PDB file of N, CA and C in Angstrom:
ATOM      1  N   UNK A   1     136.475  53.251  38.735  1.00  0.00           N
ATOM      2  CA  UNK A   1     137.177  51.976  38.458  1.00  0.00           C
ATOM      3  C   UNK A   1     136.516  51.338  37.241  1.00  0.00           C
ATOM      4  N   UNK A   2     137.262  50.945  36.209  1.00  0.00           N
ATOM      5  CA  UNK A   2     136.725  50.445  34.960  1.00  0.00           C
ATOM      6  C   UNK A   2     136.503  48.982  35.158  1.00  0.00           C
ATOM      7  N   UNK A   3     135.255  48.439  34.951  1.00  0.00           N
ATOM      8  CA  UNK A   3     134.945  47.105  35.036  1.00  0.00           C
ATOM      9  C   UNK A   3     134.078  46.720  33.812  1.00  0.00           C
ATOM     10  N   UNK A   4     134.645  46.376  32.682  1.00  0.00           N
ATOM     11  CA  UNK A   4     133.857  46.110  31.491  1.00  0.00           C
ATOM     12  C   UNK A   4     132.815  44.986  31.722  1.00  0.00           C
ATOM     13  N   UNK A   5     131.595  45.194  31.263  1.00  0.00           N
ATOM     14  CA  UNK A   5     130.557  44.265  31.451  1.00  0.00           C
ATOM     15  C   UNK A   5     130.731  43.039  30.581  1.00  0.00           C
ATOM     16  N   UNK A   6     131.509  43.093  29.569  1.00  0.00           N
ATOM     17  CA  UNK A   6     131.638  41.862  28.604  1.00  0.00           C
ATOM     18  C   UNK A   6     132.678  40.854  29.089  1.00  0.00           C
ATOM     19  N   UNK A   7     133.213  41.039  30.212  1.00  0.00           N
ATOM     20  CA  UNK A   7     134.266  40.175  30.724  1.00  0.00           C
ATOM     21  C   UNK A   7     133.720  39.361  31.915  1.00  0.00           C
ATOM     22  N   UNK A   8     134.425  38.333  32.271  1.00  0.00           N
ATOM     23  CA  UNK A   8     134.221  37.597  33.504  1.00  0.00           C
ATOM     24  C   UNK A   8     135.494  37.796  34.370  1.00  0.00           C
ATOM     25  N   UNK A   9     135.327  37.684  35.710  1.00  0.00           N
ATOM     26  CA  UNK A   9     136.374  38.105  36.662  1.00  0.00           C
ATOM     27  C   UNK A   9     136.605  36.996  37.686  1.00  0.00           C
ATOM     28  N   UNK A  10     137.878  36.827  38.100  1.00  0.00           N
ATOM     29  CA  UNK A  10     138.188  35.967  39.254  1.00  0.00           C
ATOM     30  C   UNK A  10     138.246  36.671  40.510  1.00  0.00           C
ATOM     31  N   UNK A  11     138.218  36.018  41.642  1.00  0.00           N
ATOM     32  CA  UNK A  11     138.462  36.680  42.956  1.00  0.00           C
ATOM     33  C   UNK A  11     139.821  37.037  43.197  1.00  0.00           C
ATOM     34  N   UNK A  12     140.711  36.545  42.317  1.00  0.00           N
ATOM     35  CA  UNK A  12     142.095  36.912  42.380  1.00  0.00           C
ATOM     36  C   UNK A  12     142.437  38.084  41.496  1.00  0.00           C
ATOM     37  N   UNK A  13     141.426  38.721  40.930  1.00  0.00           N
ATOM     38  CA  UNK A  13     141.603  40.002  40.207  1.00  0.00           C
ATOM     39  C   UNK A  13     142.129  39.810  38.710  1.00  0.00           C
ATOM     40  N   UNK A  14     141.819  38.622  38.159  1.00  0.00           N
ATOM     41  CA  UNK A  14     142.096  38.431  36.742  1.00  0.00           C
ATOM     42  C   UNK A  14     140.815  38.534  35.956  1.00  0.00           C
ATOM     43  N   UNK A  15     140.848  38.987  34.705  1.00  0.00           N
ATOM     44  CA  UNK A  15     139.698  39.052  33.863  1.00  0.00           C
ATOM     45  C   UNK A  15     139.967  38.077  32.706  1.00  0.00           C
ATOM     46  N   UNK A  16     138.896  37.663  32.046  1.00  0.00           N
ATOM     47  CA  UNK A  16     138.923  36.796  30.875  1.00  0.00           C
ATOM     48  C   UNK A  16     137.876  37.265  29.791  1.00  0.00           C
ATOM     49  N   UNK A  17     138.382  37.296  28.608  1.00  0.00           N
ATOM     50  CA  UNK A  17     137.493  37.639  27.438  1.00  0.00           C
ATOM     51  C   UNK A  17     137.483  36.454  26.498  1.00  0.00           C
ATOM     52  N   UNK A  18     136.308  35.806  26.386  1.00  0.00           N
ATOM     53  CA  UNK A  18     136.198  34.604  25.539  1.00  0.00           C
ATOM     54  C   UNK A  18     135.990  34.929  24.121  1.00  0.00           C
ATOM     55  N   UNK A  19     136.632  34.306  23.261  1.00  0.00           N
ATOM     56  CA  UNK A  19     136.495  34.397  21.748  1.00  0.00           C
ATOM     57  C   UNK A  19     136.510  32.934  21.242  1.00  0.00           C
ATOM     58  N   UNK A  20     135.313  32.324  21.178  1.00  0.00           N
ATOM     59  CA  UNK A  20     135.164  30.850  20.770  1.00  0.00           C
ATOM     60  C   UNK A  20     135.651  30.022  21.898  1.00  0.00           C
ATOM     61  N   UNK A  21     136.633  29.079  21.543  1.00  0.00           N
ATOM     62  CA  UNK A  21     137.194  28.180  22.617  1.00  0.00           C
ATOM     63  C   UNK A  21     138.528  28.767  23.055  1.00  0.00           C
ATOM     64  N   UNK A  22     138.828  29.894  22.600  1.00  0.00           N
ATOM     65  CA  UNK A  22     140.017  30.652  23.050  1.00  0.00           C
ATOM     66  C   UNK A  22     139.659  31.845  23.956  1.00  0.00           C
ATOM     67  N   UNK A  23     140.578  32.309  24.734  1.00  0.00           N
ATOM     68  CA  UNK A  23     140.300  33.464  25.524  1.00  0.00           C
ATOM     69  C   UNK A  23     141.540  34.254  25.877  1.00  0.00           C
ATOM     70  N   UNK A  24     141.396  35.564  26.182  1.00  0.00           N
ATOM     71  CA  UNK A  24     142.479  36.438  26.574  1.00  0.00           C
ATOM     72  C   UNK A  24     142.366  36.620  28.071  1.00  0.00           C
ATOM     73  N   UNK A  25     143.426  36.764  28.736  1.00  0.00           N
ATOM     74  CA  UNK A  25     143.501  36.876  30.217  1.00  0.00           C
ATOM     75  C   UNK A  25     144.452  37.992  30.492  1.00  0.00           C
ATOM     76  N   UNK A  26     144.041  38.792  31.590  1.00  0.00           N
ATOM     77  CA  UNK A  26     144.898  39.821  32.090  1.00  0.00           C
ATOM     78  C   UNK A  26     144.516  40.141  33.569  1.00  0.00           C
ATOM     79  N   UNK A  27     145.017  41.125  34.042  1.00  0.00           N
ATOM     80  CA  UNK A  27     144.664  41.541  35.433  1.00  0.00           C
ATOM     81  C   UNK A  27     143.708  42.788  35.347  1.00  0.00           C
ATOM     82  N   UNK A  28     142.895  42.963  36.346  1.00  0.00           N
ATOM     83  CA  UNK A  28     141.848  44.013  36.339  1.00  0.00           C
ATOM     84  C   UNK A  28     142.478  45.389  36.600  1.00  0.00           C
ATOM     85  N   UNK A  29     141.735  46.436  36.248  1.00  0.00           N
ATOM     86  CA  UNK A  29     142.128  47.785  36.580  1.00  0.00           C
ATOM     87  C   UNK A  29     142.378  48.005  38.026  1.00  0.00           C
ATOM     88  N   UNK A  30     141.505  47.341  38.934  1.00  0.00           N
ATOM     89  CA  UNK A  30     141.743  47.397  40.318  1.00  0.00           C
ATOM     90  C   UNK A  30     143.056  46.811  40.713  1.00  0.00           C
ATOM     91  N   UNK A  31     143.411  45.622  40.184  1.00  0.00           N
ATOM     92  CA  UNK A  31     144.605  44.930  40.569  1.00  0.00           C
ATOM     93  C   UNK A  31     145.865  45.806  40.236  1.00  0.00           C
ATOM     94  N   UNK A  32     145.838  46.361  38.924  1.00  0.00           N
ATOM     95  CA  UNK A  32     146.940  47.118  38.508  1.00  0.00           C
ATOM     96  C   UNK A  32     147.142  48.386  39.336  1.00  0.00           C
ATOM     97  N   UNK A  33     145.955  48.968  39.832  1.00  0.00           N
ATOM     98  CA  UNK A  33     146.050  50.128  40.655  1.00  0.00           C
ATOM     99  C   UNK A  33     146.617  49.805  42.036  1.00  0.00           C
ATOM    100  N   UNK A  34     146.338  48.627  42.555  1.00  0.00           N
ATOM    101  CA  UNK A  34     146.901  48.191  43.847  1.00  0.00           C
ATOM    102  C   UNK A  34     148.357  47.857  43.682  1.00  0.00           C
ATOM    103  N   UNK A  35     148.798  47.323  42.584  1.00  0.00           N
ATOM    104  CA  UNK A  35     150.234  46.977  42.442  1.00  0.00           C
ATOM    105  C   UNK A  35     151.104  48.167  42.263  1.00  0.00           C
ATOM    106  N   UNK A  36     150.617  49.122  41.548  1.00  0.00           N
ATOM    107  CA  UNK A  36     151.420  50.413  41.241  1.00  0.00           C
ATOM    108  C   UNK A  36     152.077  50.127  39.848  1.00  0.00           C
ATOM    109  N   UNK A  37     153.164  50.871  39.647  1.00  0.00           N
ATOM    110  CA  UNK A  37     153.815  50.870  38.391  1.00  0.00           C
ATOM    111  C   UNK A  37     154.467  49.432  38.096  1.00  0.00           C
ATOM    112  N   UNK A  38     153.890  48.826  37.075  1.00  0.00           N
ATOM    113  CA  UNK A  38     154.414  47.507  36.707  1.00  0.00           C
ATOM    114  C   UNK A  38     155.679  47.644  35.819  1.00  0.00           C
ATOM    115  N   UNK A  39     156.682  46.941  36.159  1.00  0.00           N
ATOM    116  CA  UNK A  39     157.985  46.995  35.570  1.00  0.00           C
ATOM    117  C   UNK A  39     158.347  45.761  34.737  1.00  0.00           C
ATOM    118  N   UNK A  40     157.667  44.613  35.093  1.00  0.00           N
ATOM    119  CA  UNK A  40     158.058  43.383  34.342  1.00  0.00           C
ATOM    120  C   UNK A  40     156.878  42.443  34.491  1.00  0.00           C
ATOM    121  N   UNK A  41     156.573  41.728  33.379  1.00  0.00           N
ATOM    122  CA  UNK A  41     155.606  40.629  33.424  1.00  0.00           C
ATOM    123  C   UNK A  41     156.284  39.354  32.903  1.00  0.00           C
ATOM    124  N   UNK A  42     156.335  38.314  33.756  1.00  0.00           N
ATOM    125  CA  UNK A  42     157.144  37.102  33.480  1.00  0.00           C
ATOM    126  C   UNK A  42     156.096  35.970  33.258  1.00  0.00           C
ATOM    127  N   UNK A  43     156.066  35.374  32.075  1.00  0.00           N
ATOM    128  CA  UNK A  43     155.276  34.245  31.771  1.00  0.00           C
ATOM    129  C   UNK A  43     156.094  33.209  31.125  1.00  0.00           C
ATOM    130  N   UNK A  44     156.336  32.128  31.871  1.00  0.00           N
ATOM    131  CA  UNK A  44     157.139  31.024  31.373  1.00  0.00           C
ATOM    132  C   UNK A  44     156.287  29.770  31.068  1.00  0.00           C
ATOM    133  N   UNK A  45     154.990  29.929  31.062  1.00  0.00           N
ATOM    134  CA  UNK A  45     154.169  28.776  30.900  1.00  0.00           C
ATOM    135  C   UNK A  45     153.595  28.601  29.448  1.00  0.00           C
ATOM    136  N   UNK A  46     154.111  29.367  28.493  1.00  0.00           N
ATOM    137  CA  UNK A  46     153.644  29.284  27.089  1.00  0.00           C
ATOM    138  C   UNK A  46     153.787  27.864  26.644  1.00  0.00           C
ATOM    139  N   UNK A  47     152.777  27.209  26.045  1.00  0.00           N
ATOM    140  CA  UNK A  47     152.819  25.805  25.673  1.00  0.00           C
ATOM    141  C   UNK A  47     152.388  24.789  26.673  1.00  0.00           C
ATOM    142  N   UNK A  48     152.240  25.318  27.906  1.00  0.00           N
ATOM    143  CA  UNK A  48     151.772  24.353  28.957  1.00  0.00           C
ATOM    144  C   UNK A  48     150.231  24.407  29.104  1.00  0.00           C
ATOM    145  N   UNK A  49     149.680  23.327  29.608  1.00  0.00           N
ATOM    146  CA  UNK A  49     148.289  23.278  29.979  1.00  0.00           C
ATOM    147  C   UNK A  49     148.185  23.337  31.430  1.00  0.00           C
ATOM    148  N   UNK A  50     147.411  24.276  31.915  1.00  0.00           N
ATOM    149  CA  UNK A  50     147.345  24.538  33.418  1.00  0.00           C
ATOM    150  C   UNK A  50     145.838  24.398  33.838  1.00  0.00           C
ATOM    151  N   UNK A  51     145.662  24.038  35.096  1.00  0.00           N
ATOM    152  CA  UNK A  51     144.315  23.926  35.593  1.00  0.00           C
ATOM    153  C   UNK A  51     143.776  25.280  36.072  1.00  0.00           C
ATOM    154  N   UNK A  52     142.528  25.382  36.303  1.00  0.00           N
ATOM    155  CA  UNK A  52     141.916  26.593  36.768  1.00  0.00           C
ATOM    156  C   UNK A  52     142.571  26.998  38.095  1.00  0.00           C
ATOM    157  N   UNK A  53     142.900  28.281  38.236  1.00  0.00           N
ATOM    158  CA  UNK A  53     143.527  28.890  39.333  1.00  0.00           C
ATOM    159  C   UNK A  53     145.043  28.553  39.561  1.00  0.00           C
ATOM    160  N   UNK A  54     145.587  27.892  38.550  1.00  0.00           N
ATOM    161  CA  UNK A  54     147.098  27.699  38.630  1.00  0.00           C
ATOM    162  C   UNK A  54     147.808  29.013  38.166  1.00  0.00           C
ATOM    163  N   UNK A  55     149.013  29.136  38.655  1.00  0.00           N
ATOM    164  CA  UNK A  55     149.806  30.347  38.368  1.00  0.00           C
ATOM    165  C   UNK A  55     150.347  30.250  36.935  1.00  0.00           C
ATOM    166  N   UNK A  56     150.056  31.264  36.143  1.00  0.00           N
ATOM    167  CA  UNK A  56     150.617  31.261  34.755  1.00  0.00           C
ATOM    168  C   UNK A  56     151.816  32.177  34.606  1.00  0.00           C
ATOM    169  N   UNK A  57     152.014  33.058  35.611  1.00  0.00           N
ATOM    170  CA  UNK A  57     153.126  33.993  35.552  1.00  0.00           C
ATOM    171  C   UNK A  57     153.213  34.875  36.747  1.00  0.00           C
ATOM    172  N   UNK A  58     154.129  35.841  36.666  1.00  0.00           N
ATOM    173  CA  UNK A  58     154.245  36.825  37.768  1.00  0.00           C
ATOM    174  C   UNK A  58     154.279  38.219  37.233  1.00  0.00           C
ATOM    175  N   UNK A  59     153.842  39.197  38.023  1.00  0.00           N
ATOM    176  CA  UNK A  59     153.840  40.495  37.729  1.00  0.00           C
ATOM    177  C   UNK A  59     154.711  41.248  38.715  1.00  0.00           C
ATOM    178  N   UNK A  60     155.705  41.930  38.216  1.00  0.00           N
ATOM    179  CA  UNK A  60     156.578  42.673  39.100  1.00  0.00           C
ATOM    180  C   UNK A  60     156.274  44.140  39.019  1.00  0.00           C
ATOM    181  N   UNK A  61     156.022  44.744  40.141  1.00  0.00           N
ATOM    182  CA  UNK A  61     155.804  46.192  40.262  1.00  0.00           C
ATOM    183  C   UNK A  61     157.054  46.804  41.089  1.00  0.00           C
ATOM    184  N   UNK A  62     157.007  48.046  41.145  1.00  0.00           N
ATOM    185  CA  UNK A  62     158.151  48.638  41.828  1.00  0.00           C
ATOM    186  C   UNK A  62     158.387  48.118  43.266  1.00  0.00           C
ATOM    187  N   UNK A  63     157.271  47.917  43.929  1.00  0.00           N
ATOM    188  CA  UNK A  63     157.385  47.556  45.364  1.00  0.00           C
ATOM    189  C   UNK A  63     157.011  46.113  45.691  1.00  0.00           C
ATOM    190  N   UNK A  64     156.534  45.310  44.756  1.00  0.00           N
ATOM    191  CA  UNK A  64     156.121  43.988  45.025  1.00  0.00           C
ATOM    192  C   UNK A  64     156.138  43.060  43.823  1.00  0.00           C
ATOM    193  N   UNK A  65     156.001  41.776  44.053  1.00  0.00           N
ATOM    194  CA  UNK A  65     155.876  40.797  42.896  1.00  0.00           C
ATOM    195  C   UNK A  65     154.553  39.981  43.250  1.00  0.00           C
ATOM    196  N   UNK A  66     153.759  39.823  42.230  1.00  0.00           N
ATOM    197  CA  UNK A  66     152.445  39.166  42.430  1.00  0.00           C
ATOM    198  C   UNK A  66     152.259  38.022  41.537  1.00  0.00           C
ATOM    199  N   UNK A  67     151.708  36.905  41.914  1.00  0.00           N
ATOM    200  CA  UNK A  67     151.362  35.826  41.025  1.00  0.00           C
ATOM    201  C   UNK A  67     150.115  36.178  40.184  1.00  0.00           C
ATOM    202  N   UNK A  68     150.035  35.603  38.979  1.00  0.00           N
ATOM    203  CA  UNK A  68     148.942  35.713  38.084  1.00  0.00           C
ATOM    204  C   UNK A  68     148.311  34.371  37.880  1.00  0.00           C
ATOM    205  N   UNK A  69     147.023  34.205  38.114  1.00  0.00           N
ATOM    206  CA  UNK A  69     146.343  32.955  38.040  1.00  0.00           C
ATOM    207  C   UNK A  69     145.425  32.763  36.852  1.00  0.00           C
ATOM    208  N   UNK A  70     145.335  31.599  36.213  1.00  0.00           N
ATOM    209  CA  UNK A  70     144.386  31.415  35.170  1.00  0.00           C
ATOM    210  C   UNK A  70     142.919  31.278  35.775  1.00  0.00           C
ATOM    211  N   UNK A  71     142.029  32.101  35.244  1.00  0.00           N
ATOM    212  CA  UNK A  71     140.663  32.047  35.723  1.00  0.00           C
ATOM    213  C   UNK A  71     139.976  30.693  35.317  1.00  0.00           C
ATOM    214  N   UNK A  72     140.349  30.155  34.230  1.00  0.00           N
ATOM    215  CA  UNK A  72     139.837  28.799  33.800  1.00  0.00           C
ATOM    216  C   UNK A  72     141.002  28.090  33.235  1.00  0.00           C
ATOM    217  N   UNK A  73     140.898  26.703  33.326  1.00  0.00           N
ATOM    218  CA  UNK A  73     141.987  25.835  32.845  1.00  0.00           C
ATOM    219  C   UNK A  73     142.166  25.938  31.346  1.00  0.00           C
ATOM    220  N   UNK A  74     143.375  25.784  30.880  1.00  0.00           N
ATOM    221  CA  UNK A  74     143.609  25.759  29.430  1.00  0.00           C
ATOM    222  C   UNK A  74     145.073  25.781  29.150  1.00  0.00           C
ATOM    223  N   UNK A  75     145.294  25.622  27.763  1.00  0.00           N
ATOM    224  CA  UNK A  75     146.701  25.617  27.297  1.00  0.00           C
ATOM    225  C   UNK A  75     147.068  27.083  27.008  1.00  0.00           C
ATOM    226  N   UNK A  76     148.219  27.580  27.581  1.00  0.00           N
ATOM    227  CA  UNK A  76     148.683  28.865  27.265  1.00  0.00           C
ATOM    228  C   UNK A  76     149.271  28.928  25.844  1.00  0.00           C
ATOM    229  N   UNK A  77     148.542  29.558  24.949  1.00  0.00           N
ATOM    230  CA  UNK A  77     148.922  29.627  23.536  1.00  0.00           C
ATOM    231  C   UNK A  77     149.951  30.658  23.229  1.00  0.00           C
ATOM    232  N   UNK A  78     149.825  31.824  23.908  1.00  0.00           N
ATOM    233  CA  UNK A  78     150.541  32.945  23.608  1.00  0.00           C
ATOM    234  C   UNK A  78     150.723  33.876  24.781  1.00  0.00           C
ATOM    235  N   UNK A  79     151.924  34.449  24.866  1.00  0.00           N
ATOM    236  CA  UNK A  79     152.226  35.479  25.828  1.00  0.00           C
ATOM    237  C   UNK A  79     152.179  36.815  25.021  1.00  0.00           C
ATOM    238  N   UNK A  80     151.695  37.877  25.541  1.00  0.00           N
ATOM    239  CA  UNK A  80     151.670  39.201  24.845  1.00  0.00           C
ATOM    240  C   UNK A  80     153.161  39.725  25.009  1.00  0.00           C
ATOM    241  N   UNK A  81     153.935  39.402  23.924  1.00  0.00           N
ATOM    242  CA  UNK A  81     155.311  39.775  23.928  1.00  0.00           C
ATOM    243  C   UNK A  81     155.548  41.285  23.904  1.00  0.00           C
ATOM    244  N   UNK A  82     154.564  42.082  23.595  1.00  0.00           N
ATOM    245  CA  UNK A  82     154.701  43.552  23.673  1.00  0.00           C
ATOM    246  C   UNK A  82     154.973  43.988  25.088  1.00  0.00           C
ATOM    247  N   UNK A  83     154.644  43.193  26.059  1.00  0.00           N
ATOM    248  CA  UNK A  83     154.796  43.533  27.416  1.00  0.00           C
ATOM    249  C   UNK A  83     156.309  43.481  27.857  1.00  0.00           C
ATOM    250  N   UNK A  84     157.098  42.781  27.066  1.00  0.00           N
ATOM    251  CA  UNK A  84     158.529  42.647  27.375  1.00  0.00           C
ATOM    252  C   UNK A  84     159.199  44.140  27.272  1.00  0.00           C
ATOM    253  N   UNK A  85     158.781  44.823  26.269  1.00  0.00           N
ATOM    254  CA  UNK A  85     159.318  46.294  26.104  1.00  0.00           C
ATOM    255  C   UNK A  85     158.405  47.290  26.757  1.00  0.00           C
ATOM    256  N   UNK A  86     157.187  46.995  26.974  1.00  0.00           N
ATOM    257  CA  UNK A  86     156.300  48.007  27.570  1.00  0.00           C
ATOM    258  C   UNK A  86     155.337  47.421  28.550  1.00  0.00           C
ATOM    259  N   UNK A  87     155.908  46.950  29.756  1.00  0.00           N
ATOM    260  CA  UNK A  87     155.049  46.331  30.752  1.00  0.00           C
ATOM    261  C   UNK A  87     154.069  47.355  31.291  1.00  0.00           C
ATOM    262  N   UNK A  88     154.256  48.571  31.162  1.00  0.00           N
ATOM    263  CA  UNK A  88     153.323  49.666  31.665  1.00  0.00           C
ATOM    264  C   UNK A  88     152.022  49.662  30.870  1.00  0.00           C
ATOM    265  N   UNK A  89     151.937  48.925  29.797  1.00  0.00           N
ATOM    266  CA  UNK A  89     150.603  48.729  29.104  1.00  0.00           C
ATOM    267  C   UNK A  89     149.643  48.158  30.019  1.00  0.00           C
ATOM    268  N   UNK A  90     150.019  47.341  30.975  1.00  0.00           N
ATOM    269  CA  UNK A  90     149.129  46.734  31.945  1.00  0.00           C
ATOM    270  C   UNK A  90     148.493  47.830  32.818  1.00  0.00           C
ATOM    271  N   UNK A  91     149.301  48.882  33.179  1.00  0.00           N
ATOM    272  CA  UNK A  91     148.802  50.021  33.946  1.00  0.00           C
ATOM    273  C   UNK A  91     147.926  50.813  33.035  1.00  0.00           C
ATOM    274  N   UNK A  92     148.304  51.130  31.800  1.00  0.00           N
ATOM    275  CA  UNK A  92     147.610  52.063  31.015  1.00  0.00           C
ATOM    276  C   UNK A  92     146.340  51.553  30.311  1.00  0.00           C
ATOM    277  N   UNK A  93     146.420  50.295  30.016  1.00  0.00           N
ATOM    278  CA  UNK A  93     145.180  49.669  29.241  1.00  0.00           C
ATOM    279  C   UNK A  93     145.039  48.176  29.620  1.00  0.00           C
ATOM    280  N   UNK A  94     144.695  47.910  30.955  1.00  0.00           N
ATOM    281  CA  UNK A  94     144.705  46.571  31.406  1.00  0.00           C
ATOM    282  C   UNK A  94     143.765  45.598  30.665  1.00  0.00           C
ATOM    283  N   UNK A  95     142.703  46.211  30.045  1.00  0.00           N
ATOM    284  CA  UNK A  95     141.708  45.306  29.338  1.00  0.00           C
ATOM    285  C   UNK A  95     141.938  45.271  27.828  1.00  0.00           C
ATOM    286  N   UNK A  96     142.930  46.064  27.294  1.00  0.00           N
ATOM    287  CA  UNK A  96     143.208  46.123  25.859  1.00  0.00           C
ATOM    288  C   UNK A  96     144.556  45.668  25.582  1.00  0.00           C
ATOM    289  N   UNK A  97     145.420  46.582  25.309  1.00  0.00           N
ATOM    290  CA  UNK A  97     146.935  46.244  24.994  1.00  0.00           C
ATOM    291  C   UNK A  97     147.626  45.577  26.163  1.00  0.00           C
ATOM    292  N   UNK A  98     147.117  45.653  27.395  1.00  0.00           N
ATOM    293  CA  UNK A  98     147.733  45.048  28.516  1.00  0.00           C
ATOM    294  C   UNK A  98     147.386  43.605  28.798  1.00  0.00           C
ATOM    295  N   UNK A  99     146.715  42.948  27.854  1.00  0.00           N
ATOM    296  CA  UNK A  99     146.423  41.516  28.114  1.00  0.00           C
ATOM    297  C   UNK A  99     147.682  40.769  28.247  1.00  0.00           C
ATOM    298  N   UNK A 100     147.617  39.611  28.982  1.00  0.00           N
ATOM    299  CA  UNK A 100     148.844  38.918  29.257  1.00  0.00           C
ATOM    300  C   UNK A 100     149.037  37.602  28.498  1.00  0.00           C
ATOM    301  N   UNK A 101     148.033  36.710  28.480  1.00  0.00           N
ATOM    302  CA  UNK A 101     148.128  35.495  27.784  1.00  0.00           C
ATOM    303  C   UNK A 101     146.781  35.266  27.020  1.00  0.00           C
ATOM    304  N   UNK A 102     146.982  34.421  25.991  1.00  0.00           N
ATOM    305  CA  UNK A 102     145.874  33.863  25.213  1.00  0.00           C
ATOM    306  C   UNK A 102     145.921  32.439  25.501  1.00  0.00           C
ATOM    307  N   UNK A 103     144.738  31.837  25.812  1.00  0.00           N
ATOM    308  CA  UNK A 103     144.655  30.439  26.128  1.00  0.00           C
ATOM    309  C   UNK A 103     143.624  29.806  25.280  1.00  0.00           C
ATOM    310  N   UNK A 104     143.723  28.398  25.220  1.00  0.00           N
ATOM    311  CA  UNK A 104     142.702  27.556  24.650  1.00  0.00           C
ATOM    312  C   UNK A 104     142.077  26.826  25.840  1.00  0.00           C
ATOM    313  N   UNK A 105     140.763  27.170  26.087  1.00  0.00           N
ATOM    314  CA  UNK A 105     140.165  26.599  27.335  1.00  0.00           C
ATOM    315  C   UNK A 105     139.990  25.101  27.206  1.00  0.00           C
ATOM    316  N   UNK A 106     140.273  24.426  28.317  1.00  0.00           N
ATOM    317  CA  UNK A 106     140.021  22.934  28.362  1.00  0.00           C
ATOM    318  C   UNK A 106     138.608  22.630  28.845  1.00  0.00           C
ATOM    319  N   UNK A 107     137.991  23.500  29.671  1.00  0.00           N
ATOM    320  CA  UNK A 107     136.610  23.245  30.198  1.00  0.00           C
ATOM    321  C   UNK A 107     135.877  24.626  30.236  1.00  0.00           C
ATOM    322  N   UNK A 108     135.296  25.031  29.192  1.00  0.00           N
ATOM    323  CA  UNK A 108     134.585  26.262  29.252  1.00  0.00           C
ATOM    324  C   UNK A 108     133.464  26.401  30.333  1.00  0.00           C
ATOM    325  N   UNK A 109     133.034  25.289  30.856  1.00  0.00           N
ATOM    326  CA  UNK A 109     131.959  25.286  31.911  1.00  0.00           C
ATOM    327  C   UNK A 109     132.565  26.000  33.203  1.00  0.00           C
ATOM    328  N   UNK A 110     133.852  26.053  33.336  1.00  0.00           N
ATOM    329  CA  UNK A 110     134.476  26.715  34.466  1.00  0.00           C
ATOM    330  C   UNK A 110     134.267  28.219  34.481  1.00  0.00           C
ATOM    331  N   UNK A 111     133.848  28.774  33.300  1.00  0.00           N
ATOM    332  CA  UNK A 111     133.473  30.196  33.205  1.00  0.00           C
ATOM    333  C   UNK A 111     132.241  30.517  34.210  1.00  0.00           C
ATOM    334  N   UNK A 112     131.452  29.500  34.407  1.00  0.00           N
ATOM    335  CA  UNK A 112     130.260  29.699  35.247  1.00  0.00           C
ATOM    336  C   UNK A 112     130.685  29.980  36.729  1.00  0.00           C
ATOM    337  N   UNK A 113     131.925  29.597  37.094  1.00  0.00           N
ATOM    338  CA  UNK A 113     132.307  29.856  38.509  1.00  0.00           C
ATOM    339  C   UNK A 113     132.896  31.284  38.687  1.00  0.00           C
ATOM    340  N   UNK A 114     133.016  32.049  37.594  1.00  0.00           N
ATOM    341  CA  UNK A 114     133.624  33.374  37.642  1.00  0.00           C
ATOM    342  C   UNK A 114     132.544  34.406  37.962  1.00  0.00           C
ATOM    343  N   UNK A 115     133.075  35.596  38.302  1.00  0.00           N
ATOM    344  CA  UNK A 115     132.151  36.680  38.674  1.00  0.00           C
ATOM    345  C   UNK A 115     131.754  37.532  37.408  1.00  0.00           C
ATOM    346  N   UNK A 116     130.566  38.070  37.495  1.00  0.00           N
ATOM    347  CA  UNK A 116     130.053  39.064  36.481  1.00  0.00           C
ATOM    348  C   UNK A 116     130.743  40.406  36.892  1.00  0.00           C
ATOM    349  N   UNK A 117     130.676  41.405  36.011  1.00  0.00           N
ATOM    350  CA  UNK A 117     131.137  42.746  36.302  1.00  0.00           C
ATOM    351  C   UNK A 117     130.526  43.261  37.524  1.00  0.00           C
ATOM    352  N   UNK A 118     129.210  43.052  37.646  1.00  0.00           N
ATOM    353  CA  UNK A 118     128.439  43.562  38.873  1.00  0.00           C
ATOM    354  C   UNK A 118     128.945  42.871  40.134  1.00  0.00           C
ATOM    355  N   UNK A 119     129.137  41.561  40.073  1.00  0.00           N
ATOM    356  CA  UNK A 119     129.652  40.845  41.305  1.00  0.00           C
ATOM    357  C   UNK A 119     131.034  41.246  41.623  1.00  0.00           C
ATOM    358  N   UNK A 120     131.903  41.416  40.582  1.00  0.00           N
ATOM    359  CA  UNK A 120     133.246  41.908  40.802  1.00  0.00           C
ATOM    360  C   UNK A 120     133.231  43.218  41.507  1.00  0.00           C
ATOM    361  N   UNK A 121     132.399  44.096  41.045  1.00  0.00           N
ATOM    362  CA  UNK A 121     132.311  45.469  41.663  1.00  0.00           C
ATOM    363  C   UNK A 121     131.991  45.426  43.076  1.00  0.00           C
ATOM    364  N   UNK A 122     131.105  44.483  43.451  1.00  0.00           N
ATOM    365  CA  UNK A 122     130.825  44.254  44.840  1.00  0.00           C
ATOM    366  C   UNK A 122     131.988  43.749  45.608  1.00  0.00           C
ATOM    367  N   UNK A 123     132.757  42.806  45.025  1.00  0.00           N
ATOM    368  CA  UNK A 123     133.880  42.247  45.705  1.00  0.00           C
ATOM    369  C   UNK A 123     134.919  43.320  46.091  1.00  0.00           C
ATOM    370  N   UNK A 124     135.203  44.212  45.143  1.00  0.00           N
ATOM    371  CA  UNK A 124     136.251  45.206  45.420  1.00  0.00           C
ATOM    372  C   UNK A 124     135.724  46.387  46.136  1.00  0.00           C
ATOM    373  N   UNK A 125     134.381  46.457  46.366  1.00  0.00           N
ATOM    374  CA  UNK A 125     133.732  47.521  47.149  1.00  0.00           C
ATOM    375  C   UNK A 125     133.649  48.834  46.390  1.00  0.00           C
TER     376      UNK A 125
END
């Protein structure tokens, strides 16, 4: 299981990569493996400011639909539009081309409540 050390993780299986006061968010390798083949990513919150753990979108796989939660609060600046044509990027490259949203964090201190790669590895066993 791929768990990059440079990211922070939520207990809901989202990751966040911080770049200044902005950050990229997606789902973990573990989450995509549990969902199976992803066929659609729906994000309708672009331009909205959401609180930590609020739903920013949904991920539709062949057998299920799952909510995606923001690991920290912020304004959803951008949806990865390439997922419209190729949602399987989330399966193939969840930490790279499969990112879902770019946000402007409202309270970077919320990062302290997230898991390190080591702690996330313990969570998923």
